Amino acid sequence: MARKKLKLAYITCNSKRRETFRKRKSGLMKKVNELSTLCGIEACAIIYDQNNPQAEVWPSDSRVKSVLSRFGSLSELERNKKKVDQEVFLRESIEKTCDQLNKKKEENKKKEMANIIDPYIHNGELNSNLMSKYDFNDWSSFIDENLKEIDRKMKRMQIEAQDP
């Protein structure tokens, strides 16, 4: 059964917030343990609770100190190489989504142009009422791209035909 999407917002009810914190903290500790075990890496977690002045650490204080000292011994460049904060993460996510959107727009435009060209090829009729001047420009570019692709394929075929 699928879970409903959780709205990320501050939980105002104290008892629900504490319970959520407790469950999520144990889940996070479990995930860090699994990551460390399955991938054979050194990992640690440090969690400060507003109700507990003592930090909770995984796996142990000495292992956490070992991981942190190893991290601290790296140069600043090495430390920051793969560090991602929320701003960078969101920027990269937005950029990736914009790229996907642009690819989908391009695919849709090609499909639209193919739908316009197909009746023209089969019937010799062009329904220009459905097209704006921008569509004509896109259509022209679409035809040019396809002609270039056909030309490249023909040259490739000629080269392959020449080779014994």
Protein backbone atom coordinates (compact mmCIF):
# COMPACT_ATOMS: atom_id res chain seq x y z
CA MET A 1 0.00 0.00 0.00
CA ALA A 2 1.42 3.39 -0.98
CA ARG A 3 1.94 6.06 1.60
CA LYS A 4 0.42 9.46 1.14
CA LYS A 5 2.79 12.31 0.38
CA LEU A 6 4.05 14.00 3.50
CA LYS A 7 3.94 17.77 3.62
CA LEU A 8 7.26 18.95 5.01
CA ALA A 9 6.41 21.54 7.62
CA TYR A 10 7.21 22.13 11.27
CA ILE A 11 5.10 19.90 13.53
CA THR A 12 3.47 22.21 16.04
CA CYS A 13 2.10 19.54 18.40
CA ASN A 14 4.88 18.75 20.91
CA SER A 15 3.96 15.11 21.49
CA LYS A 16 3.69 14.36 17.77
CA ARG A 17 6.96 16.20 17.08
CA ARG A 18 8.82 14.23 19.79
CA GLU A 19 7.39 10.93 18.52
CA THR A 20 8.28 11.78 14.92
CA PHE A 21 11.78 12.80 16.01
CA ARG A 22 12.26 9.54 17.93
CA LYS A 23 11.09 7.38 15.00
CA ARG A 24 13.05 9.27 12.36
CA LYS A 25 16.20 9.35 14.50
CA SER A 26 16.13 5.57 14.91
CA GLY A 27 15.47 5.21 11.16
CA LEU A 28 18.39 7.48 10.35
CA MET A 29 20.72 5.56 12.66
CA LYS A 30 19.58 2.31 11.03
CA LYS A 31 20.28 3.73 7.55
CA VAL A 32 23.77 4.88 8.53
CA ASN A 33 24.46 1.43 9.97
CA GLU A 34 23.20 -0.26 6.77
CA LEU A 35 25.22 2.07 4.56
CA SER A 36 28.36 1.38 6.55
CA THR A 37 27.82 -2.38 6.58
CA LEU A 38 26.69 -2.86 2.97
CA CYS A 39 29.25 -0.57 1.37
CA GLY A 40 32.15 -1.19 3.73
CA ILE A 41 32.65 2.49 4.47
CA GLU A 42 33.31 4.51 7.57
CA ALA A 43 30.26 6.54 8.50
CA CYS A 44 29.01 8.28 11.58
CA ALA A 45 26.00 10.22 12.76
CA ILE A 46 25.79 12.93 15.39
CA ILE A 47 22.36 14.10 16.48
CA TYR A 48 21.63 16.91 18.91
CA ASP A 49 18.23 16.87 20.53
CA GLN A 50 16.82 20.09 21.94
CA ASN A 51 15.53 18.13 24.96
CA ASN A 52 18.83 16.34 25.60
CA PRO A 53 22.06 18.32 26.13
CA GLN A 54 24.17 15.23 25.35
CA ALA A 55 24.65 14.45 21.64
CA GLU A 56 23.67 11.01 20.44
CA VAL A 57 26.32 9.43 18.24
CA TRP A 58 26.62 6.32 16.13
CA PRO A 59 28.56 3.97 16.22
CA SER A 60 30.59 5.02 19.28
CA ASP A 61 32.37 8.14 20.52
CA SER A 62 35.80 6.77 19.57
CA ARG A 63 34.72 5.74 16.05
CA VAL A 64 33.02 9.10 15.50
CA LYS A 65 36.18 10.90 16.60
CA SER A 66 38.19 8.71 14.21
CA VAL A 67 35.91 9.55 11.25
CA LEU A 68 35.88 13.27 12.11
CA SER A 69 39.66 13.44 12.53
CA ARG A 70 40.09 11.70 9.18
CA PHE A 71 37.73 14.24 7.60
CA GLY A 72 39.50 17.09 9.39
CA SER A 73 42.89 15.96 8.09
CA LEU A 74 41.75 16.47 4.48
CA SER A 75 42.61 19.71 2.75
CA GLU A 76 39.82 22.28 2.51
CA LEU A 77 39.55 21.63 -1.22
CA GLU A 78 39.11 17.88 -0.66
CA ARG A 79 36.59 18.47 2.15
CA ASN A 80 34.43 20.73 0.03
CA LYS A 81 34.74 18.77 -3.22
CA LYS A 82 31.59 16.68 -2.75
CA LYS A 83 29.89 18.73 -0.08
CA VAL A 84 26.35 19.68 -1.00
CA ASP A 85 24.22 22.05 1.03
CA GLN A 86 20.52 22.55 0.52
CA GLU A 87 20.99 25.53 -1.81
CA VAL A 88 23.36 23.63 -4.12
CA PHE A 89 21.11 20.56 -4.01
CA LEU A 90 18.05 22.60 -4.98
CA ARG A 91 19.94 24.47 -7.70
CA GLU A 92 21.15 21.20 -9.22
CA SER A 93 17.65 19.71 -8.98
CA ILE A 94 16.12 22.74 -10.69
CA GLU A 95 18.77 22.67 -13.40
CA LYS A 96 18.20 18.96 -14.02
CA THR A 97 14.42 19.46 -14.14
CA CYS A 98 14.80 22.38 -16.57
CA ASP A 99 16.98 20.23 -18.83
CA GLN A 100 14.36 17.46 -18.75
CA LEU A 101 11.62 19.99 -19.52
CA ASN A 102 13.57 21.39 -22.48
CA LYS A 103 14.16 17.88 -23.85
CA LYS A 104 10.44 17.10 -23.57
CA LYS A 105 9.57 20.39 -25.29
CA GLU A 106 11.97 19.51 -28.11
CA GLU A 107 10.49 16.02 -28.42
CA ASN A 108 6.95 17.45 -28.51
CA LYS A 109 7.93 20.00 -31.14
CA LYS A 110 9.43 17.27 -33.32
CA LYS A 111 6.28 15.20 -32.95
CA GLU A 112 4.14 18.22 -33.86
CA MET A 113 6.26 18.88 -36.94
CA ALA A 114 6.08 15.21 -37.93
CA ASN A 115 2.28 15.36 -37.60
CA ILE A 116 2.22 18.40 -39.90
CA ILE A 117 4.63 16.91 -42.44
CA ASP A 118 3.02 13.44 -42.58
CA PRO A 119 -0.25 14.51 -44.28
CA TYR A 120 1.77 16.74 -46.63
CA ILE A 121 3.94 13.81 -47.69
CA HIS A 122 0.99 11.44 -48.20
CA ASN A 123 -1.59 13.84 -49.66
CA GLY A 124 0.46 16.76 -50.89
CA GLU A 125 -1.71 19.08 -48.81
CA LEU A 126 -0.50 21.41 -46.11
CA ASN A 127 -2.98 22.77 -43.59
CA SER A 128 -1.26 26.08 -42.99
CA ASN A 129 -4.21 27.36 -40.97
CA LEU A 130 -2.93 25.36 -38.01
CA MET A 131 0.53 26.92 -38.21
CA SER A 132 1.86 30.25 -37.00
CA LYS A 133 4.92 32.01 -38.42
CA TYR A 134 6.93 30.45 -35.58
CA ASP A 135 5.69 27.03 -36.61
CA PHE A 136 6.90 27.69 -40.16
CA ASN A 137 10.33 28.61 -38.80
CA ASP A 138 10.35 25.47 -36.64
CA TRP A 139 9.17 23.42 -39.60
CA SER A 140 11.96 24.80 -41.72
CA SER A 141 14.53 23.99 -39.03
CA PHE A 142 13.02 20.54 -38.59
CA ILE A 143 13.32 19.83 -42.32
CA ASP A 144 16.89 21.17 -42.40
CA GLU A 145 17.89 18.94 -39.46
CA ASN A 146 16.34 15.90 -41.12
CA LEU A 147 18.00 16.64 -44.45
CA LYS A 148 21.37 16.94 -42.72
CA GLU A 149 20.77 13.63 -40.96
CA ILE A 150 19.81 11.99 -44.26
CA ASP A 151 22.96 13.43 -45.86
CA ARG A 152 25.14 12.06 -43.04
CA LYS A 153 23.56 8.62 -43.36
CA MET A 154 24.02 8.61 -47.12
CA LYS A 155 27.70 9.54 -46.79
CA ARG A 156 28.15 6.81 -44.20
CA MET A 157 26.49 4.30 -46.53
CA GLN A 158 28.75 5.38 -49.40
CA ILE A 159 31.84 4.94 -47.24
CA GLU A 160 30.65 1.50 -46.11
CA ALA A 161 29.92 0.53 -49.74
CA GLN A 162 33.46 1.53 -50.77
CA ASP A 163 35.12 -0.53 -48.04
CA PRO A 164 35.56 -4.20 -49.16
